[in-house]
């Protein structure tokens, strides 16, 4: 019902009429803040996370992305019943930082005010003299933090913490102990972690760190052999009942396969895989998009869609 003054006329069995006027005031949904935006490690895409503040009356959430300075355009709707996480498949975190806002829409079509914006971090790097790596990034915007954490990855050490810097600085020159393919990312820590939820009582997270995009030193060197995560062949994809995952494993090494929802929640784990193909049955997987992470001597990642 829209806001305004409404008049009601009631007629009894004798034909007598009574008239009553009442002013109705529209009640907007509560402001729905973003808890965090980050670059999702599974998809490499921007991820929005929020904790639902209104437990009834909300139908869906509107996701907004900045298109001009302080001008935000609606890019998606997320149903209230869904996990309170959104993966932006269109924005490319490797090119720049992105700003987002969110709103809640109730069952009368009323939309809350837009939340305060949150902005991702964008990391770039270049190779300096004497095998150093210069990192440059911008600030996260959306919640307070005191430190930037700089992480480095290579195939021999995995992820290690290079340094932590005050939030007033945005550059670092790193001298890695081992040269070769190096990956970097920046993170900030939120004091209170984010716990997305859905109406089926599932809970995602917790998410306590916002990560930048991944950046590597290979493009700047041009002479190192880069070993990126392997490519999976998945067919059919999308699938309704069953699909097959094929990957290269000529040495019959042992692998484990994890299937996760877009929010990062593990939904299936298959271990002790020694062949080069895996058959996946739909089973209890709900329709939707899932991330595939296959690990052994190499790392294979992909995406599968259940109809």
C-alpha atoms as a PDB file:
ATOM      1  CA  UNK A   1       0.000   0.000   0.000  1.00  0.00           C
ATOM      2  CA  UNK A   2       1.336   3.427  -0.982  1.00  0.00           C
ATOM      3  CA  UNK A   3       1.626   6.261   1.509  1.00  0.00           C
ATOM      4  CA  UNK A   4      -1.344   8.648   1.734  1.00  0.00           C
ATOM      5  CA  UNK A   5      -4.723   9.257   3.386  1.00  0.00           C
ATOM      6  CA  UNK A   6      -7.230   6.443   2.891  1.00  0.00           C
ATOM      7  CA  UNK A   7     -11.008   6.652   3.544  1.00  0.00           C
ATOM      8  CA  UNK A   8     -12.986   3.540   4.441  1.00  0.00           C
ATOM      9  CA  UNK A   9     -16.799   3.354   4.316  1.00  0.00           C
ATOM     10  CA  UNK A  10     -18.605   0.579   6.175  1.00  0.00           C
ATOM     11  CA  UNK A  11     -22.318  -0.203   5.681  1.00  0.00           C
ATOM     12  CA  UNK A  12     -24.160  -2.360   8.251  1.00  0.00           C
ATOM     13  CA  UNK A  13     -27.205  -4.595   7.741  1.00  0.00           C
ATOM     14  CA  UNK A  14     -29.622  -1.649   8.268  1.00  0.00           C
ATOM     15  CA  UNK A  15     -27.940   0.442   5.613  1.00  0.00           C
ATOM     16  CA  UNK A  16     -26.235   2.740   8.064  1.00  0.00           C
ATOM     17  CA  UNK A  17     -22.862   3.991   6.897  1.00  0.00           C
ATOM     18  CA  UNK A  18     -19.744   4.913   8.858  1.00  0.00           C
ATOM     19  CA  UNK A  19     -16.709   6.618   7.357  1.00  0.00           C
ATOM     20  CA  UNK A  20     -13.172   6.475   8.716  1.00  0.00           C
ATOM     21  CA  UNK A  21     -10.058   8.222   7.372  1.00  0.00           C
ATOM     22  CA  UNK A  22      -6.563   7.009   8.181  1.00  0.00           C
ATOM     23  CA  UNK A  23      -3.140   8.243   7.122  1.00  0.00           C
ATOM     24  CA  UNK A  24      -0.773   5.493   5.997  1.00  0.00           C
ATOM     25  CA  UNK A  25       2.974   6.153   6.111  1.00  0.00           C
ATOM     26  CA  UNK A  26       5.310   4.104   3.948  1.00  0.00           C
ATOM     27  CA  UNK A  27       8.027   2.350   5.915  1.00  0.00           C
ATOM     28  CA  UNK A  28      11.298   1.897   4.061  1.00  0.00           C
ATOM     29  CA  UNK A  29      13.399  -1.219   4.576  1.00  0.00           C
ATOM     30  CA  UNK A  30      16.333  -0.902   6.946  1.00  0.00           C
ATOM     31  CA  UNK A  31      19.628   0.269   5.493  1.00  0.00           C
ATOM     32  CA  UNK A  32      21.607  -2.787   4.392  1.00  0.00           C
ATOM     33  CA  UNK A  33      25.389  -2.252   4.664  1.00  0.00           C
ATOM     34  CA  UNK A  34      28.074  -4.137   2.801  1.00  0.00           C
ATOM     35  CA  UNK A  35      30.291  -6.102   5.151  1.00  0.00           C
ATOM     36  CA  UNK A  36      33.227  -6.493   2.765  1.00  0.00           C
ATOM     37  CA  UNK A  37      34.293  -6.538  -0.861  1.00  0.00           C
ATOM     38  CA  UNK A  38      37.248  -8.641  -1.928  1.00  0.00           C
ATOM     39  CA  UNK A  39      38.784 -10.478  -4.864  1.00  0.00           C
ATOM     40  CA  UNK A  40      37.661 -14.091  -4.552  1.00  0.00           C
ATOM     41  CA  UNK A  41      40.613 -16.496  -4.648  1.00  0.00           C
ATOM     42  CA  UNK A  42      38.542 -19.238  -6.311  1.00  0.00           C
ATOM     43  CA  UNK A  43      37.118 -17.227  -9.210  1.00  0.00           C
ATOM     44  CA  UNK A  44      39.513 -14.282  -9.445  1.00  0.00           C
ATOM     45  CA  UNK A  45      36.441 -12.021  -9.536  1.00  0.00           C
ATOM     46  CA  UNK A  46      35.164  -9.292  -7.229  1.00  0.00           C
ATOM     47  CA  UNK A  47      33.035 -10.626  -4.384  1.00  0.00           C
ATOM     48  CA  UNK A  48      30.534  -8.714  -2.234  1.00  0.00           C
ATOM     49  CA  UNK A  49      29.617 -10.028   1.219  1.00  0.00           C
ATOM     50  CA  UNK A  50      26.877  -8.735   3.491  1.00  0.00           C
ATOM     51  CA  UNK A  51      25.136  -9.806   6.693  1.00  0.00           C
ATOM     52  CA  UNK A  52      21.356  -9.505   6.531  1.00  0.00           C
ATOM     53  CA  UNK A  53      20.107  -6.887   8.983  1.00  0.00           C
ATOM     54  CA  UNK A  54      16.347  -7.279   8.355  1.00  0.00           C
ATOM     55  CA  UNK A  55      15.038 -10.793   8.982  1.00  0.00           C
ATOM     56  CA  UNK A  56      11.588 -10.487   7.408  1.00  0.00           C
ATOM     57  CA  UNK A  57       9.849  -8.583   4.628  1.00  0.00           C
ATOM     58  CA  UNK A  58      12.870  -8.415   2.275  1.00  0.00           C
ATOM     59  CA  UNK A  59      12.443  -9.956  -1.174  1.00  0.00           C
ATOM     60  CA  UNK A  60      15.808  -9.250  -2.747  1.00  0.00           C
ATOM     61  CA  UNK A  61      18.931  -7.110  -2.672  1.00  0.00           C
ATOM     62  CA  UNK A  62      20.057  -4.769  -5.453  1.00  0.00           C
ATOM     63  CA  UNK A  63      23.775  -4.696  -6.254  1.00  0.00           C
ATOM     64  CA  UNK A  64      25.210  -1.451  -7.624  1.00  0.00           C
ATOM     65  CA  UNK A  65      28.577  -0.827  -9.297  1.00  0.00           C
ATOM     66  CA  UNK A  66      30.100   2.620  -9.902  1.00  0.00           C
ATOM     67  CA  UNK A  67      30.111   3.611 -13.577  1.00  0.00           C
ATOM     68  CA  UNK A  68      31.085   7.297 -13.193  1.00  0.00           C
ATOM     69  CA  UNK A  69      32.395   9.192 -10.204  1.00  0.00           C
ATOM     70  CA  UNK A  70      29.778   8.669  -7.470  1.00  0.00           C
ATOM     71  CA  UNK A  71      27.259   7.387 -10.035  1.00  0.00           C
ATOM     72  CA  UNK A  72      26.207   3.794  -9.358  1.00  0.00           C
ATOM     73  CA  UNK A  73      24.280   1.522 -11.728  1.00  0.00           C
ATOM     74  CA  UNK A  74      22.269  -1.521 -10.688  1.00  0.00           C
ATOM     75  CA  UNK A  75      23.960  -4.657 -12.028  1.00  0.00           C
ATOM     76  CA  UNK A  76      22.178  -7.535 -10.279  1.00  0.00           C
ATOM     77  CA  UNK A  77      19.469  -8.717  -7.904  1.00  0.00           C
ATOM     78  CA  UNK A  78      20.143 -11.355  -5.247  1.00  0.00           C
ATOM     79  CA  UNK A  79      17.132 -13.094  -3.698  1.00  0.00           C
ATOM     80  CA  UNK A  80      16.763 -12.881   0.062  1.00  0.00           C
ATOM     81  CA  UNK A  81      16.742 -16.700   0.318  1.00  0.00           C
ATOM     82  CA  UNK A  82      20.174 -16.934  -1.353  1.00  0.00           C
ATOM     83  CA  UNK A  83      23.554 -16.772   0.351  1.00  0.00           C
ATOM     84  CA  UNK A  84      24.370 -13.116   1.012  1.00  0.00           C
ATOM     85  CA  UNK A  85      27.328 -13.146  -1.371  1.00  0.00           C
ATOM     86  CA  UNK A  86      27.569 -11.837  -4.930  1.00  0.00           C
ATOM     87  CA  UNK A  87      30.316 -12.605  -7.474  1.00  0.00           C
ATOM     88  CA  UNK A  88      30.673  -9.911 -10.140  1.00  0.00           C
ATOM     89  CA  UNK A  89      31.554 -11.867 -13.281  1.00  0.00           C
ATOM     90  CA  UNK A  90      31.811  -8.746 -15.466  1.00  0.00           C
ATOM     91  CA  UNK A  91      34.271  -6.502 -13.616  1.00  0.00           C
ATOM     92  CA  UNK A  92      37.967  -7.315 -14.084  1.00  0.00           C
ATOM     93  CA  UNK A  93      39.959  -6.864 -10.832  1.00  0.00           C
ATOM     94  CA  UNK A  94      43.243  -6.950 -12.763  1.00  0.00           C
ATOM     95  CA  UNK A  95      42.522  -3.665 -14.534  1.00  0.00           C
ATOM     96  CA  UNK A  96      41.560  -1.338 -11.660  1.00  0.00           C
ATOM     97  CA  UNK A  97      39.742  -0.978  -8.340  1.00  0.00           C
ATOM     98  CA  UNK A  98      35.929  -1.103  -8.232  1.00  0.00           C
ATOM     99  CA  UNK A  99      33.326   0.528  -5.956  1.00  0.00           C
ATOM    100  CA  UNK A 100      30.015  -1.075  -4.953  1.00  0.00           C
ATOM    101  CA  UNK A 101      26.845  -0.279  -3.009  1.00  0.00           C
ATOM    102  CA  UNK A 102      23.839  -2.389  -2.026  1.00  0.00           C
ATOM    103  CA  UNK A 103      20.177  -1.877  -1.110  1.00  0.00           C
ATOM    104  CA  UNK A 104      17.308  -4.006   0.218  1.00  0.00           C
ATOM    105  CA  UNK A 105      13.883  -4.234  -1.441  1.00  0.00           C
ATOM    106  CA  UNK A 106      10.819  -5.355   0.525  1.00  0.00           C
ATOM    107  CA  UNK A 107       7.669  -7.183  -0.598  1.00  0.00           C
ATOM    108  CA  UNK A 108       5.912  -3.863  -1.259  1.00  0.00           C
ATOM    109  CA  UNK A 109       8.621  -2.801  -3.686  1.00  0.00           C
ATOM    110  CA  UNK A 110      10.141  -0.261  -1.295  1.00  0.00           C
ATOM    111  CA  UNK A 111      13.903   0.087  -1.678  1.00  0.00           C
ATOM    112  CA  UNK A 112      16.173   1.145   1.149  1.00  0.00           C
ATOM    113  CA  UNK A 113      18.731   3.890   0.741  1.00  0.00           C
ATOM    114  CA  UNK A 114      21.966   2.750  -0.861  1.00  0.00           C
ATOM    115  CA  UNK A 115      24.672   1.605   1.526  1.00  0.00           C
ATOM    116  CA  UNK A 116      27.954   3.388   1.982  1.00  0.00           C
ATOM    117  CA  UNK A 117      30.316   2.339  -0.836  1.00  0.00           C
ATOM    118  CA  UNK A 118      33.086  -0.224  -0.483  1.00  0.00           C
ATOM    119  CA  UNK A 119      36.077  -0.250  -2.843  1.00  0.00           C
ATOM    120  CA  UNK A 120      38.417  -3.107  -3.738  1.00  0.00           C
ATOM    121  CA  UNK A 121      42.210  -2.751  -3.795  1.00  0.00           C
ATOM    122  CA  UNK A 122      44.153  -2.828  -7.054  1.00  0.00           C
ATOM    123  CA  UNK A 123      47.770  -4.063  -7.079  1.00  0.00           C
ATOM    124  CA  UNK A 124      50.348  -3.450  -9.795  1.00  0.00           C
ATOM    125  CA  UNK A 125      54.052  -4.281  -9.812  1.00  0.00           C
ATOM    126  CA  UNK A 126      57.211  -3.889 -11.837  1.00  0.00           C
ATOM    127  CA  UNK A 127      60.656  -5.453 -11.665  1.00  0.00           C
ATOM    128  CA  UNK A 128      63.374  -3.194 -10.267  1.00  0.00           C
ATOM    129  CA  UNK A 129      67.152  -3.382 -10.205  1.00  0.00           C
ATOM    130  CA  UNK A 130      69.048  -6.301  -8.681  1.00  0.00           C
ATOM    131  CA  UNK A 131      66.060  -8.647  -8.875  1.00  0.00           C
ATOM    132  CA  UNK A 132      63.731  -6.571  -6.744  1.00  0.00           C
ATOM    133  CA  UNK A 133      59.989  -6.255  -7.204  1.00  0.00           C
ATOM    134  CA  UNK A 134      58.226  -2.904  -6.722  1.00  0.00           C
ATOM    135  CA  UNK A 135      54.623  -3.176  -5.559  1.00  0.00           C
ATOM    136  CA  UNK A 136      52.085  -0.346  -5.748  1.00  0.00           C
ATOM    137  CA  UNK A 137      48.473  -0.529  -4.607  1.00  0.00           C
ATOM    138  CA  UNK A 138      45.593   1.680  -3.551  1.00  0.00           C
ATOM    139  CA  UNK A 139      43.556   1.812  -0.362  1.00  0.00           C
ATOM    140  CA  UNK A 140      40.578  -0.270   0.572  1.00  0.00           C
ATOM    141  CA  UNK A 141      37.491   1.806   1.360  1.00  0.00           C
ATOM    142  CA  UNK A 142      34.577   0.655   3.477  1.00  0.00           C
ATOM    143  CA  UNK A 143      35.847  -0.247   6.943  1.00  0.00           C
ATOM    144  CA  UNK A 144      38.740   0.907   9.164  1.00  0.00           C
ATOM    145  CA  UNK A 145      42.042  -0.986   9.305  1.00  0.00           C
ATOM    146  CA  UNK A 146      45.530  -0.297  10.573  1.00  0.00           C
ATOM    147  CA  UNK A 147      47.811  -2.427   8.400  1.00  0.00           C
ATOM    148  CA  UNK A 148      48.347  -3.671   4.872  1.00  0.00           C
ATOM    149  CA  UNK A 149      49.607  -7.255   4.632  1.00  0.00           C
ATOM    150  CA  UNK A 150      51.775  -8.188   1.653  1.00  0.00           C
ATOM    151  CA  UNK A 151      51.754 -11.841   0.571  1.00  0.00           C
ATOM    152  CA  UNK A 152      54.097 -13.569  -1.879  1.00  0.00           C
ATOM    153  CA  UNK A 153      53.692 -16.967  -3.560  1.00  0.00           C
ATOM    154  CA  UNK A 154      55.989 -19.255  -5.488  1.00  0.00           C
ATOM    155  CA  UNK A 155      55.810 -22.966  -6.186  1.00  0.00           C
ATOM    156  CA  UNK A 156      58.408 -23.941  -3.586  1.00  0.00           C
ATOM    157  CA  UNK A 157      57.241 -21.932  -0.569  1.00  0.00           C
ATOM    158  CA  UNK A 158      53.535 -21.411  -1.170  1.00  0.00           C
ATOM    159  CA  UNK A 159      52.042 -18.244   0.313  1.00  0.00           C
ATOM    160  CA  UNK A 160      54.219 -16.357   2.806  1.00  0.00           C
ATOM    161  CA  UNK A 161      53.797 -12.993   4.503  1.00  0.00           C
ATOM    162  CA  UNK A 162      56.403 -10.578   3.145  1.00  0.00           C
ATOM    163  CA  UNK A 163      55.640  -7.596   5.382  1.00  0.00           C
ATOM    164  CA  UNK A 164      52.959  -5.562   7.095  1.00  0.00           C
ATOM    165  CA  UNK A 165      52.782  -1.800   6.586  1.00  0.00           C
ATOM    166  CA  UNK A 166      50.816   1.036   8.196  1.00  0.00           C
ATOM    167  CA  UNK A 167      47.671   1.936   6.294  1.00  0.00           C
ATOM    168  CA  UNK A 168      49.263   5.282   5.366  1.00  0.00           C
ATOM    169  CA  UNK A 169      51.675   3.593   2.927  1.00  0.00           C
ATOM    170  CA  UNK A 170      50.875   1.987  -0.424  1.00  0.00           C
ATOM    171  CA  UNK A 171      54.216   0.854  -1.871  1.00  0.00           C
ATOM    172  CA  UNK A 172      56.838  -1.773  -1.099  1.00  0.00           C
ATOM    173  CA  UNK A 173      60.058  -2.978  -2.706  1.00  0.00           C
ATOM    174  CA  UNK A 174      60.529  -6.698  -2.147  1.00  0.00           C
ATOM    175  CA  UNK A 175      63.756  -8.684  -2.572  1.00  0.00           C
ATOM    176  CA  UNK A 176      62.574 -12.282  -2.861  1.00  0.00           C
ATOM    177  CA  UNK A 177      64.981 -15.029  -1.706  1.00  0.00           C
ATOM    178  CA  UNK A 178      64.114 -17.186  -4.712  1.00  0.00           C
ATOM    179  CA  UNK A 179      63.664 -15.806  -8.197  1.00  0.00           C
ATOM    180  CA  UNK A 180      61.247 -17.155 -10.770  1.00  0.00           C
ATOM    181  CA  UNK A 181      57.495 -17.038 -10.957  1.00  0.00           C
ATOM    182  CA  UNK A 182      56.256 -14.868  -8.110  1.00  0.00           C
ATOM    183  CA  UNK A 183      52.674 -13.974  -7.253  1.00  0.00           C
ATOM    184  CA  UNK A 184      51.677 -11.136  -4.925  1.00  0.00           C
ATOM    185  CA  UNK A 185      48.502  -9.925  -3.280  1.00  0.00           C
ATOM    186  CA  UNK A 186      47.613  -7.318  -0.658  1.00  0.00           C
ATOM    187  CA  UNK A 187      45.163  -7.805   2.216  1.00  0.00           C
ATOM    188  CA  UNK A 188      43.543  -5.783   4.980  1.00  0.00           C
ATOM    189  CA  UNK A 189      41.924  -7.328   8.045  1.00  0.00           C
ATOM    190  CA  UNK A 190      38.438  -6.483   9.278  1.00  0.00           C
ATOM    191  CA  UNK A 191      38.143  -6.514  13.057  1.00  0.00           C
ATOM    192  CA  UNK A 192      34.767  -8.301  13.002  1.00  0.00           C
ATOM    193  CA  UNK A 193      34.630 -11.088  10.413  1.00  0.00           C
ATOM    194  CA  UNK A 194      31.767 -11.335   7.894  1.00  0.00           C
ATOM    195  CA  UNK A 195      29.330 -14.266   8.102  1.00  0.00           C
ATOM    196  CA  UNK A 196      27.021 -14.454   5.065  1.00  0.00           C
ATOM    197  CA  UNK A 197      23.874 -16.564   5.452  1.00  0.00           C
ATOM    198  CA  UNK A 198      20.960 -18.031   3.512  1.00  0.00           C
ATOM    199  CA  UNK A 199      17.463 -18.963   4.646  1.00  0.00           C
ATOM    200  CA  UNK A 200      18.264 -22.685   4.669  1.00  0.00           C
ATOM    201  CA  UNK A 201      20.456 -21.960   7.738  1.00  0.00           C
ATOM    202  CA  UNK A 202      23.676 -22.343   5.738  1.00  0.00           C
ATOM    203  CA  UNK A 203      26.478 -20.016   6.782  1.00  0.00           C
ATOM    204  CA  UNK A 204      29.441 -18.956   4.671  1.00  0.00           C
ATOM    205  CA  UNK A 205      32.799 -17.651   5.705  1.00  0.00           C
ATOM    206  CA  UNK A 206      33.996 -16.350   7.968  1.00  0.00           C
ATOM    207  CA  UNK A 207      35.621 -13.683   5.800  1.00  0.00           C
ATOM    208  CA  UNK A 208      38.051 -11.569   7.795  1.00  0.00           C
ATOM    209  CA  UNK A 209      40.442 -10.320   5.087  1.00  0.00           C
ATOM    210  CA  UNK A 210      39.817  -8.332   1.938  1.00  0.00           C
ATOM    211  CA  UNK A 211      42.277  -9.281  -0.798  1.00  0.00           C
ATOM    212  CA  UNK A 212      43.508  -7.396  -3.829  1.00  0.00           C
ATOM    213  CA  UNK A 213      43.884  -8.897  -7.260  1.00  0.00           C
ATOM    214  CA  UNK A 214      46.768 -11.274  -7.898  1.00  0.00           C
ATOM    215  CA  UNK A 215      49.729  -9.844  -9.784  1.00  0.00           C
ATOM    216  CA  UNK A 216      52.897 -11.572 -10.939  1.00  0.00           C
ATOM    217  CA  UNK A 217      56.363 -10.652 -12.100  1.00  0.00           C
ATOM    218  CA  UNK A 218      56.451 -12.790 -15.228  1.00  0.00           C
ATOM    219  CA  UNK A 219      55.077 -10.301 -17.739  1.00  0.00           C
ATOM    220  CA  UNK A 220      57.818  -7.875 -16.761  1.00  0.00           C
ATOM    221  CA  UNK A 221      60.642 -10.378 -17.156  1.00  0.00           C
ATOM    222  CA  UNK A 222      59.674 -12.264 -20.280  1.00  0.00           C
ATOM    223  CA  UNK A 223      62.198 -15.098 -19.851  1.00  0.00           C
ATOM    224  CA  UNK A 224      60.747 -17.228 -17.062  1.00  0.00           C
ATOM    225  CA  UNK A 225      58.476 -20.191 -17.665  1.00  0.00           C
ATOM    226  CA  UNK A 226      55.197 -19.489 -15.955  1.00  0.00           C
ATOM    227  CA  UNK A 227      53.335 -22.388 -14.376  1.00  0.00           C
ATOM    228  CA  UNK A 228      49.735 -21.295 -13.979  1.00  0.00           C
ATOM    229  CA  UNK A 229      47.005 -23.490 -12.547  1.00  0.00           C
ATOM    230  CA  UNK A 230      46.121 -26.198 -15.065  1.00  0.00           C
ATOM    231  CA  UNK A 231      43.008 -26.257 -17.194  1.00  0.00           C
ATOM    232  CA  UNK A 232      40.212 -28.738 -16.636  1.00  0.00           C
ATOM    233  CA  UNK A 233      38.031 -30.213 -19.349  1.00  0.00           C
ATOM    234  CA  UNK A 234      34.476 -30.537 -18.027  1.00  0.00           C
ATOM    235  CA  UNK A 235      31.718 -32.062 -20.147  1.00  0.00           C
ATOM    236  CA  UNK A 236      28.836 -31.667 -20.324  1.00  0.00           C
ATOM    237  CA  UNK A 237      28.822 -28.275 -18.675  1.00  0.00           C
ATOM    238  CA  UNK A 238      26.204 -27.225 -17.624  1.00  0.00           C
ATOM    239  CA  UNK A 239      24.860 -30.656 -16.655  1.00  0.00           C
ATOM    240  CA  UNK A 240      21.662 -32.053 -15.176  1.00  0.00           C
ATOM    241  CA  UNK A 241      22.573 -35.466 -13.741  1.00  0.00           C
ATOM    242  CA  UNK A 242      26.236 -36.248 -14.360  1.00  0.00           C
ATOM    243  CA  UNK A 243      29.415 -34.686 -15.740  1.00  0.00           C
ATOM    244  CA  UNK A 244      33.029 -35.779 -16.259  1.00  0.00           C
ATOM    245  CA  UNK A 245      36.178 -33.854 -15.329  1.00  0.00           C
ATOM    246  CA  UNK A 246      39.307 -34.652 -17.346  1.00  0.00           C
ATOM    247  CA  UNK A 247      42.835 -33.465 -16.512  1.00  0.00           C
ATOM    248  CA  UNK A 248      46.433 -34.420 -17.228  1.00  0.00           C
ATOM    249  CA  UNK A 249      47.926 -36.914 -14.754  1.00  0.00           C
ATOM    250  CA  UNK A 250      50.361 -39.133 -16.687  1.00  0.00           C
ATOM    251  CA  UNK A 251      52.269 -40.127 -13.515  1.00  0.00           C
ATOM    252  CA  UNK A 252      49.102 -41.320 -11.731  1.00  0.00           C
ATOM    253  CA  UNK A 253      49.779 -38.888  -8.905  1.00  0.00           C
ATOM    254  CA  UNK A 254      47.312 -38.615  -6.049  1.00  0.00           C
ATOM    255  CA  UNK A 255      44.838 -35.716  -6.211  1.00  0.00           C
ATOM    256  CA  UNK A 256      41.943 -34.411  -4.138  1.00  0.00           C
ATOM    257  CA  UNK A 257      38.929 -32.601  -5.573  1.00  0.00           C
ATOM    258  CA  UNK A 258      36.967 -29.937  -3.693  1.00  0.00           C
ATOM    259  CA  UNK A 259      33.681 -28.557  -4.983  1.00  0.00           C
ATOM    260  CA  UNK A 260      32.618 -25.259  -3.396  1.00  0.00           C
ATOM    261  CA  UNK A 261      29.744 -22.839  -3.742  1.00  0.00           C
ATOM    262  CA  UNK A 262      30.466 -19.308  -4.938  1.00  0.00           C
ATOM    263  CA  UNK A 263      30.445 -18.202  -1.307  1.00  0.00           C
ATOM    264  CA  UNK A 264      33.372 -20.552  -0.579  1.00  0.00           C
ATOM    265  CA  UNK A 265      31.388 -23.212   1.302  1.00  0.00           C
ATOM    266  CA  UNK A 266      32.678 -26.747   0.623  1.00  0.00           C
ATOM    267  CA  UNK A 267      29.877 -28.962  -0.667  1.00  0.00           C
ATOM    268  CA  UNK A 268      31.811 -32.065  -1.740  1.00  0.00           C
ATOM    269  CA  UNK A 269      35.304 -33.530  -1.297  1.00  0.00           C
ATOM    270  CA  UNK A 270      36.737 -36.457  -3.273  1.00  0.00           C
ATOM    271  CA  UNK A 271      40.182 -37.743  -2.277  1.00  0.00           C
ATOM    272  CA  UNK A 272      42.741 -40.304  -3.480  1.00  0.00           C
ATOM    273  CA  UNK A 273      42.188 -39.633  -7.188  1.00  0.00           C
ATOM    274  CA  UNK A 274      44.916 -41.267  -9.278  1.00  0.00           C
ATOM    275  CA  UNK A 275      43.382 -41.373 -12.758  1.00  0.00           C
ATOM    276  CA  UNK A 276      42.866 -38.654 -15.349  1.00  0.00           C
ATOM    277  CA  UNK A 277      39.079 -38.398 -15.185  1.00  0.00           C
ATOM    278  CA  UNK A 278      36.464 -38.025 -12.455  1.00  0.00           C
ATOM    279  CA  UNK A 279      32.754 -38.624 -12.816  1.00  0.00           C
ATOM    280  CA  UNK A 280      30.586 -36.248 -10.812  1.00  0.00           C
ATOM    281  CA  UNK A 281      26.966 -37.096 -10.048  1.00  0.00           C
ATOM    282  CA  UNK A 282      24.528 -34.306  -9.260  1.00  0.00           C
ATOM    283  CA  UNK A 283      23.385 -35.999  -6.047  1.00  0.00           C
ATOM    284  CA  UNK A 284      22.323 -33.349  -3.564  1.00  0.00           C
ATOM    285  CA  UNK A 285      23.888 -30.434  -5.464  1.00  0.00           C
ATOM    286  CA  UNK A 286      21.326 -27.673  -5.875  1.00  0.00           C
ATOM    287  CA  UNK A 287      21.095 -25.919  -9.262  1.00  0.00           C
ATOM    288  CA  UNK A 288      23.718 -23.218  -9.529  1.00  0.00           C
ATOM    289  CA  UNK A 289      27.385 -22.475 -10.188  1.00  0.00           C
ATOM    290  CA  UNK A 290      30.186 -24.250  -8.310  1.00  0.00           C
ATOM    291  CA  UNK A 291      33.961 -23.866  -8.187  1.00  0.00           C
ATOM    292  CA  UNK A 292      36.255 -26.834  -8.837  1.00  0.00           C
ATOM    293  CA  UNK A 293      39.634 -27.036  -7.075  1.00  0.00           C
ATOM    294  CA  UNK A 294      41.755 -30.097  -7.928  1.00  0.00           C
ATOM    295  CA  UNK A 295      45.083 -30.381  -6.093  1.00  0.00           C
ATOM    296  CA  UNK A 296      48.027 -32.758  -6.271  1.00  0.00           C
ATOM    297  CA  UNK A 297      51.342 -32.282  -8.060  1.00  0.00           C
ATOM    298  CA  UNK A 298      49.623 -29.409  -9.856  1.00  0.00           C
ATOM    299  CA  UNK A 299      46.628 -27.223  -9.204  1.00  0.00           C
ATOM    300  CA  UNK A 300      43.624 -27.330 -11.536  1.00  0.00           C
ATOM    301  CA  UNK A 301      40.690 -24.956 -11.223  1.00  0.00           C
ATOM    302  CA  UNK A 302      37.435 -24.636 -13.084  1.00  0.00           C
ATOM    303  CA  UNK A 303      33.758 -23.911 -12.821  1.00  0.00           C
ATOM    304  CA  UNK A 304      30.769 -26.190 -13.253  1.00  0.00           C
ATOM    305  CA  UNK A 305      27.079 -25.346 -13.573  1.00  0.00           C
ATOM    306  CA  UNK A 306      24.301 -27.604 -12.326  1.00  0.00           C
ATOM    307  CA  UNK A 307      20.952 -27.139 -14.068  1.00  0.00           C
END
